[in-house]
Amino acid sequence: MKRNEHGYLAGVETSIHSEVPEGMYSYKIPAGKYAMVTHKGPLGKINETFEGLISWLGTNNYEQFDVVCFEVYDHRYKGEDNESEFDMFIQIKSVG
């Protein structure tokens, strides 16, 4: 996947000195300002959470910056279960 190309990338956190296995590549999430929201509920309702986050940006004088969005799945993630949770991050900048 090239920079500025929409798509989905699955990854894991590694040491900065980790060797990248053949057929894979590394991607460093850039430092910056991020808005975070916890998605609660089935994965199938992720669009509702993302739309709420985008709405929050507009009402708080922020906009998406660059193309960096990522999600962090941990022990709280349970797929389509109503009790499932994971965190969503979007890189932002102030407007005006």
PDB file of N, CA and C in Angstrom:
ATOM      1  N   MET A   1       0.848  -1.162   0.000  1.00  0.00           N
ATOM      2  CA  MET A   1       0.000   0.000   0.000  1.00  0.00           C
ATOM      3  C   MET A   1       0.901   1.235   0.000  1.00  0.00           C
ATOM      4  N   LYS A   2       0.598   2.189  -0.849  1.00  0.00           N
ATOM      5  CA  LYS A   2       1.378   3.420  -0.922  1.00  0.00           C
ATOM      6  C   LYS A   2       0.786   4.471  -0.005  1.00  0.00           C
ATOM      7  N   ARG A   3       1.611   5.413   0.425  1.00  0.00           N
ATOM      8  CA  ARG A   3       1.151   6.531   1.246  1.00  0.00           C
ATOM      9  C   ARG A   3       0.054   7.277   0.494  1.00  0.00           C
ATOM     10  N   ASN A   4      -0.938   7.769   1.226  1.00  0.00           N
ATOM     11  CA  ASN A   4      -2.096   8.480   0.672  1.00  0.00           C
ATOM     12  C   ASN A   4      -3.026   7.581  -0.126  1.00  0.00           C
ATOM     13  N   GLU A   5      -2.879   6.291   0.011  1.00  0.00           N
ATOM     14  CA  GLU A   5      -3.763   5.344  -0.650  1.00  0.00           C
ATOM     15  C   GLU A   5      -4.682   4.748   0.406  1.00  0.00           C
ATOM     16  N   HIS A   6      -5.983   4.751   0.147  1.00  0.00           N
ATOM     17  CA  HIS A   6      -6.913   4.176   1.111  1.00  0.00           C
ATOM     18  C   HIS A   6      -6.789   2.659   1.089  1.00  0.00           C
ATOM     19  N   GLY A   7      -6.929   2.082   2.232  1.00  0.00           N
ATOM     20  CA  GLY A   7      -6.830   0.640   2.334  1.00  0.00           C
ATOM     21  C   GLY A   7      -6.834   0.234   3.787  1.00  0.00           C
ATOM     22  N   TYR A   8      -6.534  -1.015   4.020  1.00  0.00           N
ATOM     23  CA  TYR A   8      -6.518  -1.531   5.378  1.00  0.00           C
ATOM     24  C   TYR A   8      -5.174  -2.201   5.608  1.00  0.00           C
ATOM     25  N   LEU A   9      -4.566  -1.879   6.723  1.00  0.00           N
ATOM     26  CA  LEU A   9      -3.271  -2.435   7.080  1.00  0.00           C
ATOM     27  C   LEU A   9      -3.377  -3.011   8.480  1.00  0.00           C
ATOM     28  N   ALA A  10      -3.077  -4.280   8.627  1.00  0.00           N
ATOM     29  CA  ALA A  10      -3.048  -4.898   9.953  1.00  0.00           C
ATOM     30  C   ALA A  10      -1.600  -4.924  10.413  1.00  0.00           C
ATOM     31  N   GLY A  11      -1.379  -4.679  11.689  1.00  0.00           N
ATOM     32  CA  GLY A  11      -0.013  -4.647  12.163  1.00  0.00           C
ATOM     33  C   GLY A  11       0.109  -4.922  13.635  1.00  0.00           C
ATOM     34  N   VAL A  12       1.338  -4.978  14.074  1.00  0.00           N
ATOM     35  CA  VAL A  12       1.653  -5.150  15.485  1.00  0.00           C
ATOM     36  C   VAL A  12       2.775  -4.184  15.842  1.00  0.00           C
ATOM     37  N   GLU A  13       2.798  -3.759  17.095  1.00  0.00           N
ATOM     38  CA  GLU A  13       3.869  -2.893  17.558  1.00  0.00           C
ATOM     39  C   GLU A  13       5.155  -3.701  17.693  1.00  0.00           C
ATOM     40  N   THR A  14       6.252  -3.129  17.221  1.00  0.00           N
ATOM     41  CA  THR A  14       7.541  -3.797  17.316  1.00  0.00           C
ATOM     42  C   THR A  14       8.598  -2.814  17.811  1.00  0.00           C
ATOM     43  N   SER A  15       9.747  -3.339  18.110  1.00  0.00           N
ATOM     44  CA  SER A  15      10.898  -2.509  18.450  1.00  0.00           C
ATOM     45  C   SER A  15      11.351  -1.785  17.186  1.00  0.00           C
ATOM     46  N   ILE A  16      11.874  -0.598  17.345  1.00  0.00           N
ATOM     47  CA  ILE A  16      12.361   0.158  16.195  1.00  0.00           C
ATOM     48  C   ILE A  16      13.488  -0.579  15.480  1.00  0.00           C
ATOM     49  N   HIS A  17      14.123  -1.499  16.172  1.00  0.00           N
ATOM     50  CA  HIS A  17      15.253  -2.236  15.610  1.00  0.00           C
ATOM     51  C   HIS A  17      14.853  -3.617  15.064  1.00  0.00           C
ATOM     52  N   SER A  18      13.573  -3.911  15.012  1.00  0.00           N
ATOM     53  CA  SER A  18      13.114  -5.211  14.527  1.00  0.00           C
ATOM     54  C   SER A  18      13.398  -5.365  13.036  1.00  0.00           C
ATOM     55  N   GLU A  19      13.784  -6.574  12.659  1.00  0.00           N
ATOM     56  CA  GLU A  19      13.991  -6.871  11.242  1.00  0.00           C
ATOM     57  C   GLU A  19      12.629  -7.172  10.622  1.00  0.00           C
ATOM     58  N   VAL A  20      12.373  -6.609   9.458  1.00  0.00           N
ATOM     59  CA  VAL A  20      11.098  -6.804   8.779  1.00  0.00           C
ATOM     60  C   VAL A  20      11.183  -8.091   7.956  1.00  0.00           C
ATOM     61  N   PRO A  21      10.287  -9.051   8.214  1.00  0.00           N
ATOM     62  CA  PRO A  21      10.317 -10.306   7.457  1.00  0.00           C
ATOM     63  C   PRO A  21      10.068 -10.075   5.965  1.00  0.00           C
ATOM     64  N   GLU A  22      10.612 -10.934   5.154  1.00  0.00           N
ATOM     65  CA  GLU A  22      10.415 -10.851   3.707  1.00  0.00           C
ATOM     66  C   GLU A  22       8.921 -10.903   3.384  1.00  0.00           C
ATOM     67  N   GLY A  23       8.484 -10.062   2.471  1.00  0.00           N
ATOM     68  CA  GLY A  23       7.077 -10.009   2.078  1.00  0.00           C
ATOM     69  C   GLY A  23       6.264  -9.062   2.934  1.00  0.00           C
ATOM     70  N   MET A  24       6.881  -8.470   3.939  1.00  0.00           N
ATOM     71  CA  MET A  24       6.207  -7.512   4.818  1.00  0.00           C
ATOM     72  C   MET A  24       6.964  -6.188   4.757  1.00  0.00           C
ATOM     73  N   TYR A  25       6.383  -5.147   5.308  1.00  0.00           N
ATOM     74  CA  TYR A  25       7.074  -3.881   5.390  1.00  0.00           C
ATOM     75  C   TYR A  25       6.707  -3.176   6.675  1.00  0.00           C
ATOM     76  N   SER A  26       7.498  -2.185   7.041  1.00  0.00           N
ATOM     77  CA  SER A  26       7.233  -1.450   8.277  1.00  0.00           C
ATOM     78  C   SER A  26       6.532  -0.140   7.955  1.00  0.00           C
ATOM     79  N   TYR A  27       5.775   0.336   8.909  1.00  0.00           N
ATOM     80  CA  TYR A  27       5.082   1.613   8.789  1.00  0.00           C
ATOM     81  C   TYR A  27       5.133   2.273  10.154  1.00  0.00           C
ATOM     82  N   LYS A  28       5.672   3.453  10.209  1.00  0.00           N
ATOM     83  CA  LYS A  28       5.766   4.180  11.460  1.00  0.00           C
ATOM     84  C   LYS A  28       4.601   5.163  11.542  1.00  0.00           C
ATOM     85  N   ILE A  29       3.800   5.045  12.588  1.00  0.00           N
ATOM     86  CA  ILE A  29       2.702   5.993  12.794  1.00  0.00           C
ATOM     87  C   ILE A  29       3.336   7.306  13.239  1.00  0.00           C
ATOM     88  N   PRO A  30       3.097   8.373  12.470  1.00  0.00           N
ATOM     89  CA  PRO A  30       3.774   9.632  12.780  1.00  0.00           C
ATOM     90  C   PRO A  30       3.297  10.264  14.078  1.00  0.00           C
ATOM     91  N   ALA A  31       4.228  10.958  14.726  1.00  0.00           N
ATOM     92  CA  ALA A  31       3.859  11.743  15.911  1.00  0.00           C
ATOM     93  C   ALA A  31       2.913  12.847  15.466  1.00  0.00           C
ATOM     94  N   GLY A  32       2.065  13.281  16.344  1.00  0.00           N
ATOM     95  CA  GLY A  32       1.130  14.346  16.020  1.00  0.00           C
ATOM     96  C   GLY A  32      -0.014  14.365  17.008  1.00  0.00           C
ATOM     97  N   LYS A  33      -1.025  15.111  16.653  1.00  0.00           N
ATOM     98  CA  LYS A  33      -2.210  15.232  17.492  1.00  0.00           C
ATOM     99  C   LYS A  33      -3.274  14.279  16.941  1.00  0.00           C
ATOM    100  N   TYR A  34      -3.856  13.483  17.836  1.00  0.00           N
ATOM    101  CA  TYR A  34      -4.859  12.496  17.441  1.00  0.00           C
ATOM    102  C   TYR A  34      -6.113  12.646  18.306  1.00  0.00           C
ATOM    103  N   ALA A  35      -7.258  12.449  17.694  1.00  0.00           N
ATOM    104  CA  ALA A  35      -8.502  12.320  18.451  1.00  0.00           C
ATOM    105  C   ALA A  35      -8.749  10.825  18.602  1.00  0.00           C
ATOM    106  N   MET A  36      -9.251  10.418  19.764  1.00  0.00           N
ATOM    107  CA  MET A  36      -9.500   9.006  20.034  1.00  0.00           C
ATOM    108  C   MET A  36     -10.919   8.829  20.548  1.00  0.00           C
ATOM    109  N   VAL A  37     -11.538   7.767  20.103  1.00  0.00           N
ATOM    110  CA  VAL A  37     -12.854   7.391  20.603  1.00  0.00           C
ATOM    111  C   VAL A  37     -12.854   5.878  20.794  1.00  0.00           C
ATOM    112  N   THR A  38     -13.573   5.411  21.797  1.00  0.00           N
ATOM    113  CA  THR A  38     -13.725   3.977  22.013  1.00  0.00           C
ATOM    114  C   THR A  38     -15.016   3.526  21.348  1.00  0.00           C
ATOM    115  N   HIS A  39     -14.881   2.601  20.398  1.00  0.00           N
ATOM    116  CA  HIS A  39     -16.054   2.002  19.764  1.00  0.00           C
ATOM    117  C   HIS A  39     -16.588   0.940  20.713  1.00  0.00           C
ATOM    118  N   LYS A  40     -17.881   1.010  21.010  1.00  0.00           N
ATOM    119  CA  LYS A  40     -18.519   0.025  21.883  1.00  0.00           C
ATOM    120  C   LYS A  40     -19.638  -0.650  21.113  1.00  0.00           C
ATOM    121  N   GLY A  41     -19.617  -1.968  21.098  1.00  0.00           N
ATOM    122  CA  GLY A  41     -20.656  -2.728  20.414  1.00  0.00           C
ATOM    123  C   GLY A  41     -20.090  -3.529  19.262  1.00  0.00           C
ATOM    124  N   PRO A  42     -20.975  -4.107  18.454  1.00  0.00           N
ATOM    125  CA  PRO A  42     -20.554  -4.969  17.350  1.00  0.00           C
ATOM    126  C   PRO A  42     -19.676  -4.224  16.343  1.00  0.00           C
ATOM    127  N   LEU A  43     -18.733  -4.924  15.767  1.00  0.00           N
ATOM    128  CA  LEU A  43     -17.862  -4.353  14.749  1.00  0.00           C
ATOM    129  C   LEU A  43     -18.680  -3.804  13.574  1.00  0.00           C
ATOM    130  N   GLY A  44     -19.802  -4.427  13.287  1.00  0.00           N
ATOM    131  CA  GLY A  44     -20.665  -4.003  12.187  1.00  0.00           C
ATOM    132  C   GLY A  44     -21.217  -2.590  12.343  1.00  0.00           C
ATOM    133  N   LYS A  45     -21.092  -2.005  13.529  1.00  0.00           N
ATOM    134  CA  LYS A  45     -21.585  -0.645  13.765  1.00  0.00           C
ATOM    135  C   LYS A  45     -20.446   0.379  13.830  1.00  0.00           C
ATOM    136  N   ILE A  46     -19.285   0.018  13.312  1.00  0.00           N
ATOM    137  CA  ILE A  46     -18.119   0.902  13.374  1.00  0.00           C
ATOM    138  C   ILE A  46     -18.361   2.222  12.640  1.00  0.00           C
ATOM    139  N   ASN A  47     -19.133   2.195  11.553  1.00  0.00           N
ATOM    140  CA  ASN A  47     -19.382   3.432  10.807  1.00  0.00           C
ATOM    141  C   ASN A  47     -20.084   4.478  11.659  1.00  0.00           C
ATOM    142  N   GLU A  48     -20.980   4.050  12.535  1.00  0.00           N
ATOM    143  CA  GLU A  48     -21.672   4.999  13.415  1.00  0.00           C
ATOM    144  C   GLU A  48     -20.673   5.703  14.332  1.00  0.00           C
ATOM    145  N   THR A  49     -19.731   4.957  14.864  1.00  0.00           N
ATOM    146  CA  THR A  49     -18.718   5.537  15.746  1.00  0.00           C
ATOM    147  C   THR A  49     -17.812   6.477  14.963  1.00  0.00           C
ATOM    148  N   PHE A  50     -17.389   6.069  13.772  1.00  0.00           N
ATOM    149  CA  PHE A  50     -16.511   6.902  12.954  1.00  0.00           C
ATOM    150  C   PHE A  50     -17.224   8.202  12.553  1.00  0.00           C
ATOM    151  N   GLU A  51     -18.480   8.110  12.159  1.00  0.00           N
ATOM    152  CA  GLU A  51     -19.243   9.314  11.800  1.00  0.00           C
ATOM    153  C   GLU A  51     -19.396  10.245  12.999  1.00  0.00           C
ATOM    154  N   GLY A  52     -19.573   9.690  14.197  1.00  0.00           N
ATOM    155  CA  GLY A  52     -19.641  10.501  15.411  1.00  0.00           C
ATOM    156  C   GLY A  52     -18.332  11.213  15.673  1.00  0.00           C
ATOM    157  N   LEU A  53     -17.217  10.526  15.430  1.00  0.00           N
ATOM    158  CA  LEU A  53     -15.902  11.135  15.611  1.00  0.00           C
ATOM    159  C   LEU A  53     -15.702  12.278  14.616  1.00  0.00           C
ATOM    160  N   ILE A  54     -16.053  12.069  13.364  1.00  0.00           N
ATOM    161  CA  ILE A  54     -15.928  13.116  12.346  1.00  0.00           C
ATOM    162  C   ILE A  54     -16.811  14.309  12.703  1.00  0.00           C
ATOM    163  N   SER A  55     -18.008  14.062  13.190  1.00  0.00           N
ATOM    164  CA  SER A  55     -18.904  15.135  13.616  1.00  0.00           C
ATOM    165  C   SER A  55     -18.290  15.918  14.775  1.00  0.00           C
ATOM    166  N   TRP A  56     -17.694  15.213  15.735  1.00  0.00           N
ATOM    167  CA  TRP A  56     -17.044  15.857  16.869  1.00  0.00           C
ATOM    168  C   TRP A  56     -15.927  16.780  16.393  1.00  0.00           C
ATOM    169  N   LEU A  57     -15.157  16.330  15.397  1.00  0.00           N
ATOM    170  CA  LEU A  57     -14.080  17.171  14.866  1.00  0.00           C
ATOM    171  C   LEU A  57     -14.624  18.508  14.388  1.00  0.00           C
ATOM    172  N   GLY A  58     -15.694  18.464  13.591  1.00  0.00           N
ATOM    173  CA  GLY A  58     -16.265  19.681  13.026  1.00  0.00           C
ATOM    174  C   GLY A  58     -16.811  20.639  14.065  1.00  0.00           C
ATOM    175  N   THR A  59     -17.399  20.111  15.117  1.00  0.00           N
ATOM    176  CA  THR A  59     -17.985  20.988  16.140  1.00  0.00           C
ATOM    177  C   THR A  59     -16.955  21.488  17.144  1.00  0.00           C
ATOM    178  N   ASN A  60     -15.725  20.980  17.064  1.00  0.00           N
ATOM    179  CA  ASN A  60     -14.665  21.387  17.988  1.00  0.00           C
ATOM    180  C   ASN A  60     -13.472  22.030  17.273  1.00  0.00           C
ATOM    181  N   ASN A  61     -13.727  22.528  16.068  1.00  0.00           N
ATOM    182  CA  ASN A  61     -12.715  23.248  15.278  1.00  0.00           C
ATOM    183  C   ASN A  61     -11.479  22.424  14.931  1.00  0.00           C
ATOM    184  N   TYR A  62     -11.699  21.166  14.581  1.00  0.00           N
ATOM    185  CA  TYR A  62     -10.630  20.300  14.094  1.00  0.00           C
ATOM    186  C   TYR A  62     -11.051  19.716  12.758  1.00  0.00           C
ATOM    187  N   GLU A  63     -10.054  19.250  12.021  1.00  0.00           N
ATOM    188  CA  GLU A  63     -10.320  18.475  10.819  1.00  0.00           C
ATOM    189  C   GLU A  63      -9.275  17.386  10.723  1.00  0.00           C
ATOM    190  N   GLN A  64      -9.580  16.372   9.911  1.00  0.00           N
ATOM    191  CA  GLN A  64      -8.632  15.281   9.738  1.00  0.00           C
ATOM    192  C   GLN A  64      -7.377  15.826   9.080  1.00  0.00           C
ATOM    193  N   PHE A  65      -6.235  15.373   9.555  1.00  0.00           N
ATOM    194  CA  PHE A  65      -4.942  15.773   9.012  1.00  0.00           C
ATOM    195  C   PHE A  65      -4.265  14.553   8.439  1.00  0.00           C
ATOM    196  N   ASP A  66      -3.792  14.671   7.205  1.00  0.00           N
ATOM    197  CA  ASP A  66      -3.104  13.572   6.540  1.00  0.00           C
ATOM    198  C   ASP A  66      -4.082  12.405   6.361  1.00  0.00           C
ATOM    199  N   VAL A  67      -3.587  11.212   6.288  1.00  0.00           N
ATOM    200  CA  VAL A  67      -4.456  10.048   6.068  1.00  0.00           C
ATOM    201  C   VAL A  67      -4.387   9.050   7.205  1.00  0.00           C
ATOM    202  N   VAL A  68      -3.792   9.452   8.319  1.00  0.00           N
ATOM    203  CA  VAL A  68      -3.536   8.484   9.384  1.00  0.00           C
ATOM    204  C   VAL A  68      -4.763   8.261  10.266  1.00  0.00           C
ATOM    205  N   CYS A  69      -5.309   7.072  10.184  1.00  0.00           N
ATOM    206  CA  CYS A  69      -6.367   6.582  11.073  1.00  0.00           C
ATOM    207  C   CYS A  69      -5.930   5.168  11.459  1.00  0.00           C
ATOM    208  N   PHE A  70      -6.119   4.828  12.709  1.00  0.00           N
ATOM    209  CA  PHE A  70      -5.808   3.463  13.100  1.00  0.00           C
ATOM    210  C   PHE A  70      -6.678   3.051  14.276  1.00  0.00           C
ATOM    211  N   GLU A  71      -6.775   1.747  14.469  1.00  0.00           N
ATOM    212  CA  GLU A  71      -7.575   1.166  15.546  1.00  0.00           C
ATOM    213  C   GLU A  71      -6.675   0.277  16.384  1.00  0.00           C
ATOM    214  N   VAL A  72      -6.953   0.221  17.674  1.00  0.00           N
ATOM    215  CA  VAL A  72      -6.190  -0.640  18.572  1.00  0.00           C
ATOM    216  C   VAL A  72      -7.148  -1.657  19.190  1.00  0.00           C
ATOM    217  N   TYR A  73      -6.892  -2.919  18.885  1.00  0.00           N
ATOM    218  CA  TYR A  73      -7.704  -4.018  19.391  1.00  0.00           C
ATOM    219  C   TYR A  73      -6.926  -4.696  20.516  1.00  0.00           C
ATOM    220  N   ASP A  74      -7.579  -4.894  21.637  1.00  0.00           N
ATOM    221  CA  ASP A  74      -6.947  -5.580  22.760  1.00  0.00           C
ATOM    222  C   ASP A  74      -7.934  -6.589  23.342  1.00  0.00           C
ATOM    223  N   HIS A  75      -7.762  -6.924  24.605  1.00  0.00           N
ATOM    224  CA  HIS A  75      -8.593  -7.943  25.251  1.00  0.00           C
ATOM    225  C   HIS A  75     -10.083  -7.580  25.277  1.00  0.00           C
ATOM    226  N   ARG A  76     -10.423  -6.315  25.079  1.00  0.00           N
ATOM    227  CA  ARG A  76     -11.829  -5.879  25.100  1.00  0.00           C
ATOM    228  C   ARG A  76     -12.570  -6.227  23.817  1.00  0.00           C
ATOM    229  N   TYR A  77     -11.830  -6.507  22.743  1.00  0.00           N
ATOM    230  CA  TYR A  77     -12.444  -6.784  21.443  1.00  0.00           C
ATOM    231  C   TYR A  77     -13.083  -8.167  21.421  1.00  0.00           C
ATOM    232  N   LYS A  78     -14.363  -8.200  21.038  1.00  0.00           N
ATOM    233  CA  LYS A  78     -15.111  -9.467  20.995  1.00  0.00           C
ATOM    234  C   LYS A  78     -15.942  -9.579  19.724  1.00  0.00           C
ATOM    235  N   GLY A  79     -15.453  -8.987  18.612  1.00  0.00           N
ATOM    236  CA  GLY A  79     -16.135  -9.103  17.323  1.00  0.00           C
ATOM    237  C   GLY A  79     -17.510  -8.474  17.321  1.00  0.00           C
ATOM    238  N   GLU A  80     -18.516  -9.267  17.010  1.00  0.00           N
ATOM    239  CA  GLU A  80     -19.886  -8.766  16.889  1.00  0.00           C
ATOM    240  C   GLU A  80     -20.648  -8.742  18.218  1.00  0.00           C
ATOM    241  N   ASP A  81     -19.981  -9.068  19.303  1.00  0.00           N
ATOM    242  CA  ASP A  81     -20.606  -9.054  20.633  1.00  0.00           C
ATOM    243  C   ASP A  81     -20.954  -7.629  21.046  1.00  0.00           C
ATOM    244  N   ASN A  82     -22.092  -7.435  21.667  1.00  0.00           N
ATOM    245  CA  ASN A  82     -22.515  -6.113  22.131  1.00  0.00           C
ATOM    246  C   ASN A  82     -21.587  -5.520  23.183  1.00  0.00           C
ATOM    247  N   GLU A  83     -20.795  -6.352  23.851  1.00  0.00           N
ATOM    248  CA  GLU A  83     -19.860  -5.889  24.883  1.00  0.00           C
ATOM    249  C   GLU A  83     -18.465  -5.586  24.320  1.00  0.00           C
ATOM    250  N   SER A  84     -18.281  -5.728  23.032  1.00  0.00           N
ATOM    251  CA  SER A  84     -16.986  -5.513  22.397  1.00  0.00           C
ATOM    252  C   SER A  84     -16.579  -4.040  22.442  1.00  0.00           C
ATOM    253  N   GLU A  85     -15.271  -3.795  22.588  1.00  0.00           N
ATOM    254  CA  GLU A  85     -14.733  -2.432  22.583  1.00  0.00           C
ATOM    255  C   GLU A  85     -13.345  -2.429  21.942  1.00  0.00           C
ATOM    256  N   PHE A  86     -13.029  -1.342  21.251  1.00  0.00           N
ATOM    257  CA  PHE A  86     -11.672  -1.071  20.791  1.00  0.00           C
ATOM    258  C   PHE A  86     -11.559   0.425  20.548  1.00  0.00           C
ATOM    259  N   ASP A  87     -10.322   0.912  20.457  1.00  0.00           N
ATOM    260  CA  ASP A  87     -10.088   2.346  20.337  1.00  0.00           C
ATOM    261  C   ASP A  87      -9.768   2.725  18.897  1.00  0.00           C
ATOM    262  N   MET A  88     -10.331   3.864  18.470  1.00  0.00           N
ATOM    263  CA  MET A  88     -10.116   4.387  17.124  1.00  0.00           C
ATOM    264  C   MET A  88      -9.386   5.730  17.242  1.00  0.00           C
ATOM    265  N   PHE A  89      -8.384   5.949  16.404  1.00  0.00           N
ATOM    266  CA  PHE A  89      -7.597   7.178  16.423  1.00  0.00           C
ATOM    267  C   PHE A  89      -7.599   7.800  15.024  1.00  0.00           C
ATOM    268  N   ILE A  90      -7.673   9.130  14.973  1.00  0.00           N
ATOM    269  CA  ILE A  90      -7.598   9.845  13.711  1.00  0.00           C
ATOM    270  C   ILE A  90      -6.708  11.057  13.913  1.00  0.00           C
ATOM    271  N   GLN A  91      -5.753  11.246  12.998  1.00  0.00           N
ATOM    272  CA  GLN A  91      -4.843  12.372  13.119  1.00  0.00           C
ATOM    273  C   GLN A  91      -5.596  13.656  12.772  1.00  0.00           C
ATOM    274  N   ILE A  92      -5.393  14.697  13.583  1.00  0.00           N
ATOM    275  CA  ILE A  92      -6.177  15.925  13.440  1.00  0.00           C
ATOM    276  C   ILE A  92      -5.303  17.175  13.433  1.00  0.00           C
ATOM    277  N   LYS A  93      -5.893  18.276  12.979  1.00  0.00           N
ATOM    278  CA  LYS A  93      -5.266  19.588  13.081  1.00  0.00           C
ATOM    279  C   LYS A  93      -6.364  20.599  13.374  1.00  0.00           C
ATOM    280  N   SER A  94      -5.986  21.700  14.007  1.00  0.00           N
ATOM    281  CA  SER A  94      -6.930  22.763  14.326  1.00  0.00           C
ATOM    282  C   SER A  94      -7.302  23.498  13.052  1.00  0.00           C
ATOM    283  N   VAL A  95      -8.539  23.951  12.984  1.00  0.00           N
ATOM    284  CA  VAL A  95      -9.031  24.730  11.851  1.00  0.00           C
ATOM    285  C   VAL A  95      -8.998  26.201  12.253  1.00  0.00           C
ATOM    286  N   GLY A  96      -8.493  27.025  11.340  1.00  0.00           N
ATOM    287  CA  GLY A  96      -8.533  28.473  11.577  1.00  0.00           C
ATOM    288  C   GLY A  96      -7.390  28.935  12.303  1.00  0.00           C
TER     289      GLY A  96
END
